[in-house]
PDB file of N, CA and C in Angstrom:
ATOM      1  N   UNK A   1       0.662  -1.003   0.364  1.00  0.00           N
ATOM      2  CA  UNK A   1      -0.259  -0.170   0.110  1.00  0.00           C
ATOM      3  C   UNK A   1       0.339   1.283   0.122  1.00  0.00           C
ATOM      4  N   UNK A   2       0.465   2.132  -0.862  1.00  0.00           N
ATOM      5  CA  UNK A   2       0.967   3.527  -0.850  1.00  0.00           C
ATOM      6  C   UNK A   2       0.367   4.494  -0.209  1.00  0.00           C
ATOM      7  N   UNK A   3       0.881   5.011   1.193  1.00  0.00           N
ATOM      8  CA  UNK A   3       0.057   5.278   1.829  1.00  0.00           C
ATOM      9  C   UNK A   3       0.865   6.853   2.404  1.00  0.00           C
ATOM     10  N   UNK A   4       2.114   6.884   1.718  1.00  0.00           N
ATOM     11  CA  UNK A   4       2.703   8.127   2.074  1.00  0.00           C
ATOM     12  C   UNK A   4       3.685   8.685   1.445  1.00  0.00           C
ATOM     13  N   UNK A   5       3.371  10.007   1.182  1.00  0.00           N
ATOM     14  CA  UNK A   5       4.129   9.975  -0.112  1.00  0.00           C
ATOM     15  C   UNK A   5       6.368   9.739  -0.053  1.00  0.00           C
ATOM     16  N   UNK A   6       6.439   9.471   1.085  1.00  0.00           N
ATOM     17  CA  UNK A   6       7.536   8.898   0.821  1.00  0.00           C
ATOM     18  C   UNK A   6       7.585   7.579   0.502  1.00  0.00           C
ATOM     19  N   UNK A   7       6.719   6.503   0.416  1.00  0.00           N
ATOM     20  CA  UNK A   7       6.632   5.564  -0.041  1.00  0.00           C
ATOM     21  C   UNK A   7       6.413   5.446  -1.765  1.00  0.00           C
ATOM     22  N   UNK A   8       5.403   6.419  -1.905  1.00  0.00           N
ATOM     23  CA  UNK A   8       5.052   7.062  -3.085  1.00  0.00           C
ATOM     24  C   UNK A   8       6.811   7.061  -4.273  1.00  0.00           C
ATOM     25  N   UNK A   9       7.513   8.067  -3.538  1.00  0.00           N
ATOM     26  CA  UNK A   9       8.971   8.258  -3.916  1.00  0.00           C
ATOM     27  C   UNK A   9       9.806   7.753  -3.563  1.00  0.00           C
ATOM     28  N   UNK A  10       9.525   6.094  -2.770  1.00  0.00           N
ATOM     29  CA  UNK A  10      10.367   4.799  -3.180  1.00  0.00           C
ATOM     30  C   UNK A  10      10.047   3.909  -4.049  1.00  0.00           C
ATOM     31  N   UNK A  11       9.305   3.887  -5.082  1.00  0.00           N
ATOM     32  CA  UNK A  11       8.216   2.982  -5.361  1.00  0.00           C
ATOM     33  C   UNK A  11       9.357   2.110  -5.977  1.00  0.00           C
ATOM     34  N   UNK A  12      10.789   3.031  -6.416  1.00  0.00           N
ATOM     35  CA  UNK A  12      12.274   1.911  -7.597  1.00  0.00           C
ATOM     36  C   UNK A  12      12.223   1.366  -6.502  1.00  0.00           C
ATOM     37  N   UNK A  13      12.594   0.797  -5.066  1.00  0.00           N
ATOM     38  CA  UNK A  13      12.966   0.362  -4.225  1.00  0.00           C
ATOM     39  C   UNK A  13      11.897  -0.731  -3.671  1.00  0.00           C
ATOM     40  N   UNK A  14      11.029   0.060  -4.119  1.00  0.00           N
ATOM     41  CA  UNK A  14       9.826  -1.295  -3.054  1.00  0.00           C
ATOM     42  C   UNK A  14       9.452  -2.165  -4.331  1.00  0.00           C
ATOM     43  N   UNK A  15       9.671  -1.665  -5.189  1.00  0.00           N
ATOM     44  CA  UNK A  15       9.208  -2.743  -6.794  1.00  0.00           C
ATOM     45  C   UNK A  15       9.718  -4.008  -6.276  1.00  0.00           C
ATOM     46  N   UNK A  16      11.270  -4.197  -6.225  1.00  0.00           N
ATOM     47  CA  UNK A  16      11.333  -5.871  -7.051  1.00  0.00           C
ATOM     48  C   UNK A  16      10.959  -6.908  -5.819  1.00  0.00           C
ATOM     49  N   UNK A  17       9.819  -6.122  -4.379  1.00  0.00           N
ATOM     50  CA  UNK A  17       9.564  -6.774  -3.522  1.00  0.00           C
ATOM     51  C   UNK A  17       7.914  -7.036  -3.744  1.00  0.00           C
ATOM     52  N   UNK A  18       7.319  -6.915  -4.201  1.00  0.00           N
ATOM     53  CA  UNK A  18       5.960  -6.784  -4.775  1.00  0.00           C
ATOM     54  C   UNK A  18       5.866  -7.143  -5.881  1.00  0.00           C
ATOM     55  N   UNK A  19       4.467  -7.254  -5.930  1.00  0.00           N
ATOM     56  CA  UNK A  19       3.947  -7.914  -7.678  1.00  0.00           C
ATOM     57  C   UNK A  19       2.649  -6.981  -8.184  1.00  0.00           C
ATOM     58  N   UNK A  20       2.433  -5.883  -7.074  1.00  0.00           N
ATOM     59  CA  UNK A  20       1.154  -4.813  -7.510  1.00  0.00           C
ATOM     60  C   UNK A  20       1.864  -3.582  -6.212  1.00  0.00           C
ATOM     61  N   UNK A  21       0.876  -2.708  -6.573  1.00  0.00           N
ATOM     62  CA  UNK A  21       0.883  -1.709  -5.543  1.00  0.00           C
ATOM     63  C   UNK A  21      -0.102  -0.820  -5.845  1.00  0.00           C
ATOM     64  N   UNK A  22      -0.963  -0.357  -4.484  1.00  0.00           N
ATOM     65  CA  UNK A  22      -2.447  -0.012  -4.389  1.00  0.00           C
ATOM     66  C   UNK A  22      -2.096   1.170  -3.335  1.00  0.00           C
ATOM     67  N   UNK A  23      -2.606   2.668  -4.232  1.00  0.00           N
ATOM     68  CA  UNK A  23      -2.837   3.908  -3.168  1.00  0.00           C
ATOM     69  C   UNK A  23      -3.713   3.524  -2.583  1.00  0.00           C
ATOM     70  N   UNK A  24      -3.624   3.746  -0.799  1.00  0.00           N
ATOM     71  CA  UNK A  24      -4.094   4.544   0.186  1.00  0.00           C
ATOM     72  C   UNK A  24      -4.710   5.310   0.169  1.00  0.00           C
ATOM     73  N   UNK A  25      -5.635   6.145  -1.334  1.00  0.00           N
ATOM     74  CA  UNK A  25      -5.521   7.523  -1.033  1.00  0.00           C
ATOM     75  C   UNK A  25      -6.235   8.305   0.086  1.00  0.00           C
ATOM     76  N   UNK A  26      -6.659   7.725   0.658  1.00  0.00           N
ATOM     77  CA  UNK A  26      -6.975   8.799   2.293  1.00  0.00           C
ATOM     78  C   UNK A  26      -5.940   8.521   2.961  1.00  0.00           C
ATOM     79  N   UNK A  27      -5.492   7.771   3.355  1.00  0.00           N
ATOM     80  CA  UNK A  27      -4.387   8.303   4.340  1.00  0.00           C
ATOM     81  C   UNK A  27      -3.140   8.602   3.343  1.00  0.00           C
ATOM     82  N   UNK A  28      -3.002   8.609   2.499  1.00  0.00           N
ATOM     83  CA  UNK A  28      -1.762   9.667   1.345  1.00  0.00           C
ATOM     84  C   UNK A  28      -1.997  10.628   1.393  1.00  0.00           C
ATOM     85  N   UNK A  29      -3.059  11.236   0.922  1.00  0.00           N
ATOM     86  CA  UNK A  29      -3.987  12.788   1.354  1.00  0.00           C
ATOM     87  C   UNK A  29      -3.626  13.282   2.567  1.00  0.00           C
ATOM     88  N   UNK A  30      -3.993  12.549   3.653  1.00  0.00           N
ATOM     89  CA  UNK A  30      -3.987  12.198   5.284  1.00  0.00           C
ATOM     90  C   UNK A  30      -2.613  13.089   5.401  1.00  0.00           C
ATOM     91  N   UNK A  31      -1.264  12.088   4.818  1.00  0.00           N
ATOM     92  CA  UNK A  31      -0.044  12.736   5.085  1.00  0.00           C
ATOM     93  C   UNK A  31       0.916  13.536   4.099  1.00  0.00           C
ATOM     94  N   UNK A  32       0.170  13.619   2.753  1.00  0.00           N
ATOM     95  CA  UNK A  32       0.416  14.840   2.079  1.00  0.00           C
ATOM     96  C   UNK A  32       0.722  15.892   2.270  1.00  0.00           C
ATOM     97  N   UNK A  33      -0.979  16.080   3.170  1.00  0.00           N
ATOM     98  CA  UNK A  33      -0.999  17.775   3.752  1.00  0.00           C
ATOM     99  C   UNK A  33      -1.238  17.775   5.245  1.00  0.00           C
ATOM    100  N   UNK A  34      -0.730  16.816   5.984  1.00  0.00           N
ATOM    101  CA  UNK A  34      -0.826  16.874   7.247  1.00  0.00           C
ATOM    102  C   UNK A  34      -2.464  17.298   7.991  1.00  0.00           C
ATOM    103  N   UNK A  35      -3.414  16.929   7.758  1.00  0.00           N
ATOM    104  CA  UNK A  35      -4.611  17.104   7.313  1.00  0.00           C
ATOM    105  C   UNK A  35      -5.539  15.899   7.598  1.00  0.00           C
ATOM    106  N   UNK A  36      -6.094  15.624   8.955  1.00  0.00           N
ATOM    107  CA  UNK A  36      -7.030  14.457   9.203  1.00  0.00           C
ATOM    108  C   UNK A  36      -8.327  14.872   8.732  1.00  0.00           C
ATOM    109  N   UNK A  37      -8.651  13.899   7.649  1.00  0.00           N
ATOM    110  CA  UNK A  37     -10.496  13.961   7.544  1.00  0.00           C
ATOM    111  C   UNK A  37     -10.827  14.085   8.128  1.00  0.00           C
ATOM    112  N   UNK A  38     -11.235  13.550   9.779  1.00  0.00           N
ATOM    113  CA  UNK A  38     -11.762  13.764  10.623  1.00  0.00           C
ATOM    114  C   UNK A  38     -11.241  14.792  12.222  1.00  0.00           C
ATOM    115  N   UNK A  39     -10.686  15.517  11.147  1.00  0.00           N
ATOM    116  CA  UNK A  39     -10.281  16.668  12.906  1.00  0.00           C
ATOM    117  C   UNK A  39     -10.641  18.281  11.776  1.00  0.00           C
ATOM    118  N   UNK A  40     -11.880  18.292  12.901  1.00  0.00           N
ATOM    119  CA  UNK A  40     -12.385  19.541  12.160  1.00  0.00           C
ATOM    120  C   UNK A  40     -11.415  20.695  12.004  1.00  0.00           C
ATOM    121  N   UNK A  41     -10.192  20.713  12.750  1.00  0.00           N
ATOM    122  CA  UNK A  41      -9.451  21.646  12.555  1.00  0.00           C
ATOM    123  C   UNK A  41      -8.892  22.226  10.941  1.00  0.00           C
ATOM    124  N   UNK A  42      -8.812  20.860  10.646  1.00  0.00           N
ATOM    125  CA  UNK A  42      -7.547  20.622   9.417  1.00  0.00           C
ATOM    126  C   UNK A  42      -8.222  19.878   8.614  1.00  0.00           C
ATOM    127  N   UNK A  43      -9.520  19.873   8.507  1.00  0.00           N
ATOM    128  CA  UNK A  43     -10.169  18.795   7.499  1.00  0.00           C
ATOM    129  C   UNK A  43     -10.350  19.789   6.101  1.00  0.00           C
ATOM    130  N   UNK A  44     -10.544  21.034   6.220  1.00  0.00           N
ATOM    131  CA  UNK A  44     -10.544  21.865   5.374  1.00  0.00           C
ATOM    132  C   UNK A  44      -8.966  21.650   4.176  1.00  0.00           C
ATOM    133  N   UNK A  45      -8.046  21.297   4.755  1.00  0.00           N
ATOM    134  CA  UNK A  45      -7.219  21.125   3.638  1.00  0.00           C
ATOM    135  C   UNK A  45      -6.862  19.656   3.123  1.00  0.00           C
ATOM    136  N   UNK A  46      -7.823  18.701   3.544  1.00  0.00           N
ATOM    137  CA  UNK A  46      -7.965  17.025   2.743  1.00  0.00           C
ATOM    138  C   UNK A  46      -8.144  17.518   1.363  1.00  0.00           C
ATOM    139  N   UNK A  47      -7.864  17.603   0.692  1.00  0.00           N
ATOM    140  CA  UNK A  47      -8.514  17.488  -1.003  1.00  0.00           C
ATOM    141  C   UNK A  47      -7.618  16.352  -1.559  1.00  0.00           C
ATOM    142  N   UNK A  48      -8.516  15.573  -1.670  1.00  0.00           N
ATOM    143  CA  UNK A  48      -8.044  14.223  -2.400  1.00  0.00           C
ATOM    144  C   UNK A  48      -7.646  14.171  -3.827  1.00  0.00           C
ATOM    145  N   UNK A  49      -8.840  14.654  -4.125  1.00  0.00           N
ATOM    146  CA  UNK A  49      -8.549  15.256  -5.443  1.00  0.00           C
ATOM    147  C   UNK A  49      -7.638  16.194  -5.875  1.00  0.00           C
ATOM    148  N   UNK A  50      -6.725  16.713  -5.348  1.00  0.00           N
ATOM    149  CA  UNK A  50      -5.612  17.785  -5.190  1.00  0.00           C
ATOM    150  C   UNK A  50      -4.854  17.038  -6.831  1.00  0.00           C
ATOM    151  N   UNK A  51      -4.273  18.313  -7.206  1.00  0.00           N
ATOM    152  CA  UNK A  51      -2.383  17.951  -8.472  1.00  0.00           C
ATOM    153  C   UNK A  51      -2.253  16.990  -7.515  1.00  0.00           C
ATOM    154  N   UNK A  52      -1.593  17.369  -6.610  1.00  0.00           N
ATOM    155  CA  UNK A  52      -0.445  16.991  -5.420  1.00  0.00           C
ATOM    156  C   UNK A  52      -0.703  15.247  -5.064  1.00  0.00           C
ATOM    157  N   UNK A  53      -1.940  14.692  -5.480  1.00  0.00           N
ATOM    158  CA  UNK A  53      -1.616  13.815  -4.935  1.00  0.00           C
ATOM    159  C   UNK A  53      -2.028  13.240  -6.443  1.00  0.00           C
ATOM    160  N   UNK A  54      -2.667  13.238  -7.838  1.00  0.00           N
ATOM    161  CA  UNK A  54      -2.531  12.998  -9.019  1.00  0.00           C
ATOM    162  C   UNK A  54      -0.803  12.630  -9.531  1.00  0.00           C
ATOM    163  N   UNK A  55       0.142  14.286  -8.891  1.00  0.00           N
ATOM    164  CA  UNK A  55       1.334  14.349  -9.032  1.00  0.00           C
ATOM    165  C   UNK A  55       2.309  12.947  -8.606  1.00  0.00           C
ATOM    166  N   UNK A  56       1.561  12.053  -7.063  1.00  0.00           N
ATOM    167  CA  UNK A  56       2.675  11.803  -6.680  1.00  0.00           C
ATOM    168  C   UNK A  56       2.053  10.075  -6.936  1.00  0.00           C
ATOM    169  N   UNK A  57       0.824   9.844  -7.777  1.00  0.00           N
ATOM    170  CA  UNK A  57       0.219   8.827  -8.872  1.00  0.00           C
ATOM    171  C   UNK A  57       1.181   8.588  -9.492  1.00  0.00           C
ATOM    172  N   UNK A  58       0.898   9.657 -10.972  1.00  0.00           N
ATOM    173  CA  UNK A  58       1.922   9.809 -12.280  1.00  0.00           C
ATOM    174  C   UNK A  58       3.020   9.671 -12.035  1.00  0.00           C
ATOM    175  N   UNK A  59       4.145   9.930 -10.773  1.00  0.00           N
ATOM    176  CA  UNK A  59       4.846   9.902 -10.396  1.00  0.00           C
ATOM    177  C   UNK A  59       5.295   7.911 -10.132  1.00  0.00           C
ATOM    178  N   UNK A  60       4.789   7.745  -9.300  1.00  0.00           N
ATOM    179  CA  UNK A  60       4.916   6.118  -9.472  1.00  0.00           C
ATOM    180  C   UNK A  60       5.161   5.262 -10.775  1.00  0.00           C
ATOM    181  N   UNK A  61       3.713   5.255 -11.396  1.00  0.00           N
ATOM    182  CA  UNK A  61       3.941   4.948 -12.610  1.00  0.00           C
ATOM    183  C   UNK A  61       4.841   5.242 -13.607  1.00  0.00           C
ATOM    184  N   UNK A  62       5.508   6.743 -13.589  1.00  0.00           N
ATOM    185  CA  UNK A  62       6.585   7.049 -14.348  1.00  0.00           C
ATOM    186  C   UNK A  62       7.795   5.840 -13.637  1.00  0.00           C
ATOM    187  N   UNK A  63       8.237   6.165 -12.481  1.00  0.00           N
ATOM    188  CA  UNK A  63       9.055   5.175 -11.981  1.00  0.00           C
ATOM    189  C   UNK A  63       9.057   3.482 -12.124  1.00  0.00           C
ATOM    190  N   UNK A  64       8.000   3.060 -12.247  1.00  0.00           N
ATOM    191  CA  UNK A  64       7.628   2.138 -12.353  1.00  0.00           C
ATOM    192  C   UNK A  64       6.704   1.617 -13.398  1.00  0.00           C
ATOM    193  N   UNK A  65       6.859   2.214 -14.504  1.00  0.00           N
ATOM    194  CA  UNK A  65       5.439   1.436 -15.520  1.00  0.00           C
ATOM    195  C   UNK A  65       5.032   0.075 -15.648  1.00  0.00           C
ATOM    196  N   UNK A  66       5.810  -0.434 -15.792  1.00  0.00           N
ATOM    197  CA  UNK A  66       5.463  -1.863 -15.408  1.00  0.00           C
ATOM    198  C   UNK A  66       4.577  -2.383 -14.248  1.00  0.00           C
ATOM    199  N   UNK A  67       4.577  -1.786 -13.211  1.00  0.00           N
ATOM    200  CA  UNK A  67       3.533  -2.426 -12.190  1.00  0.00           C
ATOM    201  C   UNK A  67       2.759  -2.052 -12.608  1.00  0.00           C
ATOM    202  N   UNK A  68       1.618  -3.027 -11.304  1.00  0.00           N
ATOM    203  CA  UNK A  68       0.684  -2.932 -11.814  1.00  0.00           C
ATOM    204  C   UNK A  68      -0.247  -2.178 -10.662  1.00  0.00           C
ATOM    205  N   UNK A  69      -1.355  -0.982 -10.886  1.00  0.00           N
ATOM    206  CA  UNK A  69      -1.338  -0.112  -9.903  1.00  0.00           C
ATOM    207  C   UNK A  69      -2.861   0.007  -9.602  1.00  0.00           C
ATOM    208  N   UNK A  70      -3.452   0.418  -8.453  1.00  0.00           N
ATOM    209  CA  UNK A  70      -4.811   0.527  -8.005  1.00  0.00           C
ATOM    210  C   UNK A  70      -4.803   1.330  -6.832  1.00  0.00           C
ATOM    211  N   UNK A  71      -6.509   1.647  -6.951  1.00  0.00           N
ATOM    212  CA  UNK A  71      -6.358   2.740  -5.920  1.00  0.00           C
ATOM    213  C   UNK A  71      -7.262   1.954  -4.903  1.00  0.00           C
ATOM    214  N   UNK A  72      -7.408   2.278  -3.653  1.00  0.00           N
ATOM    215  CA  UNK A  72      -8.448   1.892  -2.603  1.00  0.00           C
ATOM    216  C   UNK A  72      -8.668   3.303  -2.029  1.00  0.00           C
ATOM    217  N   UNK A  73      -9.479   3.697  -1.538  1.00  0.00           N
ATOM    218  CA  UNK A  73      -9.934   4.799  -1.362  1.00  0.00           C
ATOM    219  C   UNK A  73     -10.948   5.691  -1.767  1.00  0.00           C
ATOM    220  N   UNK A  74     -11.857   6.850  -1.100  1.00  0.00           N
ATOM    221  CA  UNK A  74     -13.019   7.189  -1.306  1.00  0.00           C
ATOM    222  C   UNK A  74     -12.955   8.182  -3.122  1.00  0.00           C
ATOM    223  N   UNK A  75     -11.533   8.471  -3.096  1.00  0.00           N
ATOM    224  CA  UNK A  75     -11.061   8.901  -4.541  1.00  0.00           C
ATOM    225  C   UNK A  75     -11.658   7.998  -5.486  1.00  0.00           C
ATOM    226  N   UNK A  76     -11.322   6.787  -5.718  1.00  0.00           N
ATOM    227  CA  UNK A  76     -11.362   5.591  -6.446  1.00  0.00           C
ATOM    228  C   UNK A  76     -13.115   5.419  -6.959  1.00  0.00           C
ATOM    229  N   UNK A  77     -13.667   5.586  -6.101  1.00  0.00           N
ATOM    230  CA  UNK A  77     -15.501   5.804  -6.561  1.00  0.00           C
ATOM    231  C   UNK A  77     -16.171   7.337  -6.692  1.00  0.00           C
ATOM    232  N   UNK A  78     -15.835   7.792  -7.048  1.00  0.00           N
ATOM    233  CA  UNK A  78     -15.438   8.959  -7.858  1.00  0.00           C
ATOM    234  C   UNK A  78     -15.386   9.679  -9.573  1.00  0.00           C
ATOM    235  N   UNK A  79     -16.367   9.294 -10.081  1.00  0.00           N
ATOM    236  CA  UNK A  79     -16.672   8.961 -11.650  1.00  0.00           C
ATOM    237  C   UNK A  79     -15.874  10.127 -12.217  1.00  0.00           C
ATOM    238  N   UNK A  80     -16.045  11.429 -11.794  1.00  0.00           N
ATOM    239  CA  UNK A  80     -15.723  12.762 -12.152  1.00  0.00           C
ATOM    240  C   UNK A  80     -13.910  12.244 -11.712  1.00  0.00           C
ATOM    241  N   UNK A  81     -13.654  11.881 -11.042  1.00  0.00           N
ATOM    242  CA  UNK A  81     -11.771  11.876 -11.374  1.00  0.00           C
ATOM    243  C   UNK A  81     -11.146  10.302 -11.500  1.00  0.00           C
ATOM    244  N   UNK A  82     -12.210   9.772 -12.389  1.00  0.00           N
ATOM    245  CA  UNK A  82     -11.404   8.399 -13.078  1.00  0.00           C
ATOM    246  C   UNK A  82     -10.701   8.432 -14.265  1.00  0.00           C
ATOM    247  N   UNK A  83     -10.972   9.546 -15.429  1.00  0.00           N
ATOM    248  CA  UNK A  83     -10.117  10.114 -16.372  1.00  0.00           C
ATOM    249  C   UNK A  83      -8.912  10.204 -15.693  1.00  0.00           C
ATOM    250  N   UNK A  84      -8.383  11.142 -15.086  1.00  0.00           N
ATOM    251  CA  UNK A  84      -7.049  11.803 -14.277  1.00  0.00           C
ATOM    252  C   UNK A  84      -6.594  10.043 -13.355  1.00  0.00           C
ATOM    253  N   UNK A  85      -7.406   9.276 -13.304  1.00  0.00           N
ATOM    254  CA  UNK A  85      -6.957   7.928 -12.503  1.00  0.00           C
ATOM    255  C   UNK A  85      -6.228   7.089 -13.216  1.00  0.00           C
ATOM    256  N   UNK A  86      -6.696   6.763 -14.599  1.00  0.00           N
ATOM    257  CA  UNK A  86      -6.776   5.924 -15.928  1.00  0.00           C
ATOM    258  C   UNK A  86      -5.303   6.939 -16.359  1.00  0.00           C
ATOM    259  N   UNK A  87      -5.355   7.760 -16.158  1.00  0.00           N
ATOM    260  CA  UNK A  87      -4.463   8.857 -16.932  1.00  0.00           C
ATOM    261  C   UNK A  87      -2.677   8.860 -15.776  1.00  0.00           C
ATOM    262  N   UNK A  88      -2.976   8.193 -14.826  1.00  0.00           N
ATOM    263  CA  UNK A  88      -1.943   7.813 -14.613  1.00  0.00           C
ATOM    264  C   UNK A  88      -1.448   6.799 -13.959  1.00  0.00           C
ATOM    265  N   UNK A  89      -1.839   5.789 -14.695  1.00  0.00           N
ATOM    266  CA  UNK A  89      -1.421   4.669 -15.050  1.00  0.00           C
ATOM    267  C   UNK A  89      -2.752   3.356 -14.615  1.00  0.00           C
ATOM    268  N   UNK A  90      -3.101   3.707 -13.248  1.00  0.00           N
ATOM    269  CA  UNK A  90      -4.191   3.158 -12.592  1.00  0.00           C
ATOM    270  C   UNK A  90      -5.469   1.985 -13.270  1.00  0.00           C
ATOM    271  N   UNK A  91      -5.309   0.840 -13.151  1.00  0.00           N
ATOM    272  CA  UNK A  91      -5.985   0.262 -13.726  1.00  0.00           C
ATOM    273  C   UNK A  91      -7.111  -0.939 -13.234  1.00  0.00           C
ATOM    274  N   UNK A  92      -6.706  -0.710 -11.775  1.00  0.00           N
ATOM    275  CA  UNK A  92      -7.801  -1.407 -10.836  1.00  0.00           C
ATOM    276  C   UNK A  92      -8.239  -0.259  -9.688  1.00  0.00           C
ATOM    277  N   UNK A  93      -9.121  -0.136  -9.993  1.00  0.00           N
ATOM    278  CA  UNK A  93     -10.383   0.498  -8.450  1.00  0.00           C
ATOM    279  C   UNK A  93     -11.128  -0.434  -7.706  1.00  0.00           C
ATOM    280  N   UNK A  94     -10.414   0.259  -6.496  1.00  0.00           N
ATOM    281  CA  UNK A  94     -11.926  -0.430  -5.316  1.00  0.00           C
ATOM    282  C   UNK A  94     -12.631   0.503  -4.791  1.00  0.00           C
ATOM    283  N   UNK A  95     -13.849  -0.183  -5.336  1.00  0.00           N
ATOM    284  CA  UNK A  95     -15.125   0.700  -4.465  1.00  0.00           C
ATOM    285  C   UNK A  95     -15.813   0.248  -4.070  1.00  0.00           C
ATOM    286  N   UNK A  96     -16.965   0.436  -3.175  1.00  0.00           N
ATOM    287  CA  UNK A  96     -18.021  -0.113  -2.222  1.00  0.00           C
ATOM    288  C   UNK A  96     -18.531  -0.517  -3.875  1.00  0.00           C
ATOM    289  N   UNK A  97     -19.856  -2.038  -3.678  1.00  0.00           N
ATOM    290  CA  UNK A  97     -19.998  -2.247  -4.228  1.00  0.00           C
ATOM    291  C   UNK A  97     -21.594  -1.423  -5.392  1.00  0.00           C
ATOM    292  N   UNK A  98     -22.402  -1.040  -4.350  1.00  0.00           N
ATOM    293  CA  UNK A  98     -22.615   0.034  -4.953  1.00  0.00           C
ATOM    294  C   UNK A  98     -22.483   1.403  -5.796  1.00  0.00           C
ATOM    295  N   UNK A  99     -21.360   1.511  -5.928  1.00  0.00           N
ATOM    296  CA  UNK A  99     -20.836   2.262  -7.153  1.00  0.00           C
ATOM    297  C   UNK A  99     -19.979   1.702  -8.302  1.00  0.00           C
ATOM    298  N   UNK A 100     -19.902   0.267  -7.936  1.00  0.00           N
ATOM    299  CA  UNK A 100     -19.040  -0.227  -9.237  1.00  0.00           C
ATOM    300  C   UNK A 100     -20.730   0.354 -10.622  1.00  0.00           C
ATOM    301  N   UNK A 101     -21.932  -0.147 -10.930  1.00  0.00           N
ATOM    302  CA  UNK A 101     -21.755  -0.296 -12.461  1.00  0.00           C
ATOM    303  C   UNK A 101     -21.987   1.744 -12.743  1.00  0.00           C
ATOM    304  N   UNK A 102     -21.499   2.725 -11.962  1.00  0.00           N
ATOM    305  CA  UNK A 102     -21.807   4.208 -11.718  1.00  0.00           C
ATOM    306  C   UNK A 102     -19.864   4.373 -12.391  1.00  0.00           C
ATOM    307  N   UNK A 103     -18.646   2.899 -11.630  1.00  0.00           N
ATOM    308  CA  UNK A 103     -17.819   3.640 -12.174  1.00  0.00           C
ATOM    309  C   UNK A 103     -17.636   3.071 -12.938  1.00  0.00           C
ATOM    310  N   UNK A 104     -18.209   1.296 -13.878  1.00  0.00           N
ATOM    311  CA  UNK A 104     -17.819   1.252 -14.732  1.00  0.00           C
ATOM    312  C   UNK A 104     -18.534   1.931 -16.291  1.00  0.00           C
ATOM    313  N   UNK A 105     -19.627   2.660 -15.897  1.00  0.00           N
ATOM    314  CA  UNK A 105     -19.521   3.613 -16.644  1.00  0.00           C
ATOM    315  C   UNK A 105     -18.711   4.719 -17.014  1.00  0.00           C
ATOM    316  N   UNK A 106     -18.160   5.267 -15.894  1.00  0.00           N
ATOM    317  CA  UNK A 106     -17.079   6.312 -15.854  1.00  0.00           C
ATOM    318  C   UNK A 106     -16.304   6.087 -16.629  1.00  0.00           C
ATOM    319  N   UNK A 107     -15.588   4.497 -16.427  1.00  0.00           N
ATOM    320  CA  UNK A 107     -14.385   3.764 -17.332  1.00  0.00           C
ATOM    321  C   UNK A 107     -14.591   3.808 -18.799  1.00  0.00           C
ATOM    322  N   UNK A 108     -16.266   2.783 -19.332  1.00  0.00           N
ATOM    323  CA  UNK A 108     -16.336   2.950 -20.497  1.00  0.00           C
ATOM    324  C   UNK A 108     -16.672   4.949 -21.343  1.00  0.00           C
ATOM    325  N   UNK A 109     -16.720   5.654 -20.511  1.00  0.00           N
ATOM    326  CA  UNK A 109     -16.462   6.899 -21.574  1.00  0.00           C
ATOM    327  C   UNK A 109     -15.276   7.704 -21.163  1.00  0.00           C
ATOM    328  N   UNK A 110     -14.009   6.841 -20.821  1.00  0.00           N
ATOM    329  CA  UNK A 110     -12.832   7.227 -20.494  1.00  0.00           C
ATOM    330  C   UNK A 110     -11.736   7.384 -22.043  1.00  0.00           C
ATOM    331  N   UNK A 111     -11.163   8.257 -22.430  1.00  0.00           N
ATOM    332  CA  UNK A 111     -10.345   7.922 -22.945  1.00  0.00           C
ATOM    333  C   UNK A 111      -9.134   8.017 -22.471  1.00  0.00           C
ATOM    334  N   UNK A 112      -7.753   7.116 -22.534  1.00  0.00           N
ATOM    335  CA  UNK A 112      -6.486   7.793 -21.531  1.00  0.00           C
ATOM    336  C   UNK A 112      -5.157   8.362 -22.184  1.00  0.00           C
ATOM    337  N   UNK A 113      -5.963   9.301 -22.251  1.00  0.00           N
ATOM    338  CA  UNK A 113      -5.004  10.642 -23.028  1.00  0.00           C
ATOM    339  C   UNK A 113      -3.509  11.126 -21.489  1.00  0.00           C
ATOM    340  N   UNK A 114      -2.791  11.333 -22.210  1.00  0.00           N
ATOM    341  CA  UNK A 114      -1.645  11.632 -20.794  1.00  0.00           C
ATOM    342  C   UNK A 114      -2.205  13.185 -20.494  1.00  0.00           C
ATOM    343  N   UNK A 115      -2.311  13.587 -19.474  1.00  0.00           N
ATOM    344  CA  UNK A 115      -2.627  14.909 -19.648  1.00  0.00           C
ATOM    345  C   UNK A 115      -1.892  15.842 -20.143  1.00  0.00           C
ATOM    346  N   UNK A 116      -1.810  17.585 -20.509  1.00  0.00           N
ATOM    347  CA  UNK A 116      -1.529  17.967 -21.446  1.00  0.00           C
ATOM    348  C   UNK A 116      -0.459  19.005 -20.941  1.00  0.00           C
TER     349      UNK A 116
END
């Protein structure tokens, strides 16, 4: 599980020891922004759809392009962000069962062009 920025930036070193990598976007966001989504004093800074999070995922994909990548976290179940996840090399999404039809539809409507 890639749950910290340090883990994301260490993907090359971790790669020989794993068959795949999965981003825990809730924890990754919490550590990237030092903002717990359950702490009212700092929850306003918790933004799991920030460019920062996508840049970390993209960096992992660029560092280990042949590694299967997945996302486990609330971000995976939000259709408006699926195109960007796919652009980052994510090919597996872990979502609640009720979100599967909506997620599949979002994937079908997406083309995997690299961001400009």
